[in-house]
N, C-alpha and C. Protein backbone atom coordinates (compact mmCIF):
# COMPACT_ATOMS: atom_id res chain seq x y z
N UNK A 1 0.83 -1.19 0.00
CA UNK A 1 0.00 0.00 0.00
C UNK A 1 0.88 1.25 0.00
N UNK A 2 0.25 2.36 -0.28
CA UNK A 2 0.98 3.63 -0.31
C UNK A 2 1.57 3.97 1.05
N UNK A 3 0.83 3.65 2.10
CA UNK A 3 1.32 3.93 3.46
C UNK A 3 2.60 3.15 3.75
N UNK A 4 2.66 1.89 3.33
CA UNK A 4 3.86 1.08 3.54
C UNK A 4 5.04 1.60 2.71
N UNK A 5 4.75 2.08 1.52
CA UNK A 5 5.80 2.64 0.67
C UNK A 5 6.38 3.89 1.32
N UNK A 6 5.52 4.72 1.89
CA UNK A 6 5.98 5.93 2.57
C UNK A 6 6.87 5.56 3.76
N UNK A 7 6.45 4.58 4.54
CA UNK A 7 7.26 4.15 5.69
C UNK A 7 8.60 3.60 5.23
N UNK A 8 8.58 2.78 4.18
CA UNK A 8 9.82 2.21 3.66
C UNK A 8 10.75 3.32 3.15
N UNK A 9 10.17 4.31 2.49
CA UNK A 9 10.97 5.43 1.99
C UNK A 9 11.65 6.15 3.14
N UNK A 10 10.90 6.40 4.21
CA UNK A 10 11.49 7.06 5.38
C UNK A 10 12.60 6.21 5.98
N UNK A 11 12.33 4.92 6.15
CA UNK A 11 13.32 4.05 6.78
C UNK A 11 14.59 3.96 5.94
N UNK A 12 14.44 3.60 4.67
CA UNK A 12 15.61 3.35 3.85
C UNK A 12 16.33 4.63 3.43
N UNK A 13 15.58 5.64 3.02
CA UNK A 13 16.22 6.87 2.55
C UNK A 13 16.83 7.65 3.70
N UNK A 14 16.10 7.78 4.79
CA UNK A 14 16.65 8.51 5.94
C UNK A 14 17.86 7.79 6.51
N UNK A 15 17.75 6.47 6.64
CA UNK A 15 18.88 5.69 7.15
C UNK A 15 20.08 5.80 6.21
N UNK A 16 19.84 5.69 4.91
CA UNK A 16 20.94 5.80 3.95
C UNK A 16 21.58 7.18 4.02
N UNK A 17 20.77 8.22 4.16
CA UNK A 17 21.31 9.57 4.26
C UNK A 17 22.21 9.74 5.46
N UNK A 18 21.77 9.25 6.61
CA UNK A 18 22.58 9.35 7.83
C UNK A 18 23.86 8.53 7.70
N UNK A 19 23.73 7.30 7.22
CA UNK A 19 24.90 6.42 7.08
C UNK A 19 25.88 6.98 6.06
N UNK A 20 25.38 7.47 4.92
CA UNK A 20 26.28 8.03 3.91
C UNK A 20 27.04 9.23 4.45
N UNK A 21 26.34 10.12 5.11
CA UNK A 21 27.01 11.30 5.64
C UNK A 21 28.03 10.91 6.71
N UNK A 22 27.64 10.05 7.62
CA UNK A 22 28.55 9.65 8.71
C UNK A 22 29.77 8.92 8.18
N UNK A 23 29.57 7.93 7.32
CA UNK A 23 30.72 7.18 6.80
C UNK A 23 31.59 8.04 5.90
N UNK A 24 30.96 8.93 5.14
CA UNK A 24 31.74 9.84 4.30
C UNK A 24 32.63 10.75 5.12
N UNK A 25 32.06 11.32 6.18
CA UNK A 25 32.85 12.20 7.05
C UNK A 25 33.96 11.42 7.77
N UNK A 26 33.66 10.19 8.17
CA UNK A 26 34.69 9.37 8.81
C UNK A 26 35.83 9.07 7.84
N UNK A 27 35.49 8.71 6.60
CA UNK A 27 36.54 8.42 5.61
C UNK A 27 37.38 9.66 5.30
N UNK A 28 36.73 10.81 5.19
CA UNK A 28 37.46 12.05 4.94
C UNK A 28 38.40 12.33 6.11
N UNK A 29 37.92 12.10 7.31
CA UNK A 29 38.75 12.32 8.50
C UNK A 29 39.92 11.33 8.53
N UNK A 30 39.67 10.07 8.19
CA UNK A 30 40.73 9.05 8.23
C UNK A 30 41.87 9.35 7.26
N UNK A 31 41.54 9.86 6.09
CA UNK A 31 42.59 10.17 5.10
C UNK A 31 43.07 11.61 5.20
N UNK A 32 42.53 12.33 6.16
CA UNK A 32 42.96 13.70 6.47
C UNK A 32 42.73 14.70 5.33
N UNK A 33 41.61 14.52 4.61
CA UNK A 33 41.24 15.52 3.62
C UNK A 33 40.63 16.70 4.36
N UNK A 34 41.00 17.91 3.98
CA UNK A 34 40.32 19.08 4.57
C UNK A 34 38.84 19.07 4.12
N UNK A 35 37.96 19.22 5.05
CA UNK A 35 36.53 19.10 4.77
C UNK A 35 36.02 20.18 3.82
N UNK A 36 36.66 21.32 3.80
CA UNK A 36 36.21 22.42 2.94
C UNK A 36 37.01 22.52 1.64
N UNK A 37 37.68 21.45 1.27
CA UNK A 37 38.49 21.50 0.05
C UNK A 37 37.79 20.82 -1.11
N UNK A 38 37.95 21.38 -2.28
CA UNK A 38 37.56 20.81 -3.56
C UNK A 38 36.35 19.90 -3.58
N UNK A 39 36.62 18.66 -3.99
CA UNK A 39 35.54 17.72 -4.23
C UNK A 39 34.78 17.34 -2.95
N UNK A 40 35.45 17.38 -1.82
CA UNK A 40 34.77 17.05 -0.56
C UNK A 40 33.71 18.10 -0.26
N UNK A 41 34.07 19.36 -0.39
CA UNK A 41 33.13 20.45 -0.12
C UNK A 41 31.96 20.42 -1.10
N UNK A 42 32.25 20.19 -2.38
CA UNK A 42 31.18 20.12 -3.38
C UNK A 42 30.26 18.94 -3.08
N UNK A 43 30.84 17.82 -2.65
CA UNK A 43 30.02 16.66 -2.28
C UNK A 43 29.08 16.99 -1.12
N UNK A 44 29.58 17.72 -0.15
CA UNK A 44 28.73 18.11 0.98
C UNK A 44 27.60 19.03 0.54
N UNK A 45 27.91 19.95 -0.36
CA UNK A 45 26.87 20.84 -0.90
C UNK A 45 25.81 20.02 -1.64
N UNK A 46 26.26 19.07 -2.47
CA UNK A 46 25.32 18.23 -3.20
C UNK A 46 24.48 17.38 -2.25
N UNK A 47 25.07 16.93 -1.15
CA UNK A 47 24.32 16.16 -0.15
C UNK A 47 23.23 17.03 0.47
N UNK A 48 23.56 18.27 0.78
CA UNK A 48 22.57 19.19 1.34
C UNK A 48 21.44 19.43 0.33
N UNK A 49 21.80 19.58 -0.94
CA UNK A 49 20.79 19.77 -1.99
C UNK A 49 19.86 18.55 -2.05
N UNK A 50 20.46 17.35 -2.04
CA UNK A 50 19.66 16.13 -2.10
C UNK A 50 18.71 16.03 -0.92
N UNK A 51 19.19 16.32 0.27
CA UNK A 51 18.34 16.24 1.46
C UNK A 51 17.29 17.35 1.46
N UNK A 52 17.66 18.53 0.94
CA UNK A 52 16.71 19.63 0.86
C UNK A 52 15.57 19.31 -0.11
N UNK A 53 15.84 18.44 -1.07
CA UNK A 53 14.79 17.98 -1.98
C UNK A 53 14.01 16.82 -1.38
N UNK A 54 14.71 15.92 -0.70
CA UNK A 54 14.06 14.71 -0.20
C UNK A 54 13.08 15.01 0.94
N UNK A 55 13.44 15.88 1.85
CA UNK A 55 12.57 16.13 3.01
C UNK A 55 11.20 16.67 2.58
N UNK A 56 11.14 17.72 1.73
CA UNK A 56 9.81 18.16 1.30
C UNK A 56 9.08 17.09 0.48
N UNK A 57 9.83 16.32 -0.32
CA UNK A 57 9.20 15.26 -1.11
C UNK A 57 8.59 14.21 -0.19
N UNK A 58 9.28 13.89 0.87
CA UNK A 58 8.76 12.91 1.83
C UNK A 58 7.50 13.45 2.50
N UNK A 59 7.48 14.73 2.81
CA UNK A 59 6.29 15.33 3.41
C UNK A 59 5.11 15.34 2.42
N UNK A 60 5.42 15.56 1.16
CA UNK A 60 4.37 15.56 0.14
C UNK A 60 3.71 14.18 0.03
N UNK A 61 4.46 13.13 0.31
CA UNK A 61 3.89 11.79 0.25
C UNK A 61 2.72 11.65 1.23
N UNK A 62 2.83 12.26 2.39
CA UNK A 62 1.74 12.21 3.36
C UNK A 62 0.51 12.97 2.86
N UNK A 63 0.73 14.08 2.20
CA UNK A 63 -0.39 14.84 1.64
C UNK A 63 -1.05 14.06 0.51
N UNK A 64 -0.21 13.39 -0.30
CA UNK A 64 -0.75 12.57 -1.38
C UNK A 64 -1.57 11.41 -0.81
N UNK A 65 -1.07 10.79 0.25
CA UNK A 65 -1.80 9.70 0.90
C UNK A 65 -3.15 10.20 1.42
N UNK A 66 -3.16 11.36 2.04
CA UNK A 66 -4.41 11.93 2.56
C UNK A 66 -5.40 12.20 1.43
N UNK A 67 -4.90 12.72 0.30
CA UNK A 67 -5.77 13.01 -0.84
C UNK A 67 -6.35 11.72 -1.42
N UNK A 68 -5.53 10.69 -1.54
CA UNK A 68 -6.01 9.41 -2.08
C UNK A 68 -6.99 8.76 -1.12
N UNK A 69 -6.69 8.80 0.16
CA UNK A 69 -7.58 8.21 1.17
C UNK A 69 -8.94 8.91 1.14
N UNK A 70 -8.92 10.23 1.06
CA UNK A 70 -10.17 11.00 0.99
C UNK A 70 -10.96 10.60 -0.26
N UNK A 71 -10.29 10.48 -1.38
CA UNK A 71 -10.96 10.11 -2.63
C UNK A 71 -11.57 8.71 -2.53
N UNK A 72 -10.83 7.78 -1.95
CA UNK A 72 -11.35 6.41 -1.82
C UNK A 72 -12.55 6.33 -0.89
N UNK A 73 -12.46 7.02 0.24
CA UNK A 73 -13.56 7.00 1.22
C UNK A 73 -14.84 7.59 0.63
N UNK A 74 -14.68 8.63 -0.18
CA UNK A 74 -15.85 9.32 -0.72
C UNK A 74 -16.20 8.88 -2.15
N UNK A 75 -15.52 7.85 -2.65
CA UNK A 75 -15.82 7.35 -3.99
C UNK A 75 -15.50 8.32 -5.11
N UNK A 76 -14.47 9.11 -4.91
CA UNK A 76 -14.08 10.11 -5.90
C UNK A 76 -12.81 9.67 -6.62
N UNK A 77 -12.52 10.34 -7.72
CA UNK A 77 -11.23 10.11 -8.38
C UNK A 77 -10.19 11.01 -7.71
N UNK A 78 -8.94 10.74 -8.00
CA UNK A 78 -7.85 11.53 -7.41
C UNK A 78 -8.05 13.01 -7.73
N UNK A 79 -7.78 13.84 -6.77
CA UNK A 79 -8.02 15.27 -6.91
C UNK A 79 -6.89 15.96 -7.67
N UNK A 80 -7.16 17.19 -8.06
CA UNK A 80 -6.11 18.00 -8.69
C UNK A 80 -4.98 18.26 -7.70
N UNK A 81 -5.35 18.34 -6.43
CA UNK A 81 -4.34 18.54 -5.39
C UNK A 81 -3.33 17.39 -5.41
N UNK A 82 -3.84 16.16 -5.56
CA UNK A 82 -2.96 15.00 -5.64
C UNK A 82 -2.03 15.13 -6.84
N UNK A 83 -2.58 15.50 -7.98
CA UNK A 83 -1.78 15.66 -9.19
C UNK A 83 -0.71 16.73 -9.04
N UNK A 84 -1.07 17.82 -8.39
CA UNK A 84 -0.10 18.90 -8.16
C UNK A 84 1.00 18.43 -7.22
N UNK A 85 0.62 17.75 -6.15
CA UNK A 85 1.62 17.22 -5.21
C UNK A 85 2.53 16.19 -5.89
N UNK A 86 1.93 15.35 -6.73
CA UNK A 86 2.72 14.34 -7.42
C UNK A 86 3.74 15.00 -8.35
N UNK A 87 3.32 16.04 -9.06
CA UNK A 87 4.24 16.74 -9.96
C UNK A 87 5.40 17.36 -9.19
N UNK A 88 5.11 18.01 -8.08
CA UNK A 88 6.16 18.62 -7.26
C UNK A 88 7.07 17.53 -6.69
N UNK A 89 6.47 16.44 -6.21
CA UNK A 89 7.23 15.32 -5.65
C UNK A 89 8.21 14.76 -6.68
N UNK A 90 7.72 14.51 -7.88
CA UNK A 90 8.58 13.98 -8.94
C UNK A 90 9.65 15.00 -9.34
N UNK A 91 9.28 16.27 -9.37
CA UNK A 91 10.24 17.32 -9.72
C UNK A 91 11.35 17.45 -8.69
N UNK A 92 11.05 17.22 -7.44
CA UNK A 92 12.08 17.26 -6.40
C UNK A 92 13.02 16.06 -6.50
N UNK A 93 12.53 14.97 -7.04
CA UNK A 93 13.37 13.78 -7.18
C UNK A 93 14.48 13.94 -8.20
N UNK A 94 14.27 14.77 -9.20
CA UNK A 94 15.27 14.94 -10.26
C UNK A 94 16.55 15.57 -9.73
N UNK A 95 16.51 16.74 -9.08
CA UNK A 95 17.76 17.29 -8.55
C UNK A 95 18.37 16.43 -7.45
N UNK A 96 17.52 15.76 -6.67
CA UNK A 96 18.06 14.87 -5.62
C UNK A 96 18.84 13.73 -6.25
N UNK A 97 18.28 13.13 -7.29
CA UNK A 97 18.95 12.02 -7.97
C UNK A 97 20.28 12.47 -8.57
N UNK A 98 20.26 13.58 -9.29
CA UNK A 98 21.50 14.03 -9.93
C UNK A 98 22.52 14.52 -8.91
N UNK A 99 22.07 15.02 -7.79
CA UNK A 99 23.01 15.39 -6.72
C UNK A 99 23.72 14.15 -6.20
N UNK A 100 22.97 13.08 -5.97
CA UNK A 100 23.59 11.84 -5.48
C UNK A 100 24.51 11.24 -6.54
N UNK A 101 24.11 11.34 -7.80
CA UNK A 101 24.97 10.86 -8.89
C UNK A 101 26.26 11.67 -8.93
N UNK A 102 26.15 12.98 -8.72
CA UNK A 102 27.34 13.84 -8.68
C UNK A 102 28.26 13.48 -7.53
N UNK A 103 27.68 13.17 -6.38
CA UNK A 103 28.49 12.76 -5.23
C UNK A 103 29.25 11.48 -5.56
N UNK A 104 28.57 10.53 -6.17
CA UNK A 104 29.22 9.28 -6.56
C UNK A 104 30.39 9.56 -7.49
N UNK A 105 30.17 10.40 -8.50
CA UNK A 105 31.24 10.76 -9.43
C UNK A 105 32.42 11.38 -8.69
N UNK A 106 32.14 12.33 -7.82
CA UNK A 106 33.21 13.01 -7.09
C UNK A 106 33.98 12.05 -6.18
N UNK A 107 33.28 11.11 -5.57
CA UNK A 107 33.96 10.15 -4.69
C UNK A 107 34.85 9.20 -5.48
N UNK A 108 34.41 8.81 -6.65
CA UNK A 108 35.18 7.86 -7.46
C UNK A 108 36.38 8.54 -8.11
N UNK A 109 36.16 9.69 -8.73
CA UNK A 109 37.22 10.32 -9.52
C UNK A 109 38.01 11.38 -8.76
N UNK A 110 37.50 11.88 -7.66
CA UNK A 110 38.16 12.89 -6.83
C UNK A 110 38.91 13.95 -7.65
N UNK A 111 38.18 14.70 -8.45
CA UNK A 111 38.85 15.72 -9.27
C UNK A 111 39.48 16.79 -8.39
N UNK A 112 40.55 17.36 -8.88
CA UNK A 112 41.20 18.43 -8.11
C UNK A 112 40.74 19.78 -8.66
N UNK A 113 40.13 20.55 -7.81
CA UNK A 113 39.72 21.91 -8.16
C UNK A 113 39.57 22.71 -6.89
């Protein structure tokens, strides 16, 4: 159900975000990279962008669930509100995805700039 998907998203995405940030910072500390230098700093900015997109998207899922539940209870079709929330939710996923892809690239290739 949609409710289970929302819970799974919170569990897996939130947990992954915390683990990625923590392990990334530990690895940077272990190899003594300055945290505000080049690719490390850009990776942190991209992580903030991804989380800034994910948190509102996760909140929109609850609004979408409420809209669908209301429609089902009252025998209605999905509302325009649901469609608007879905569009915003999907739009937030695009920069979040590319931010995480950028972090992966930076971690693998560690460009100097």
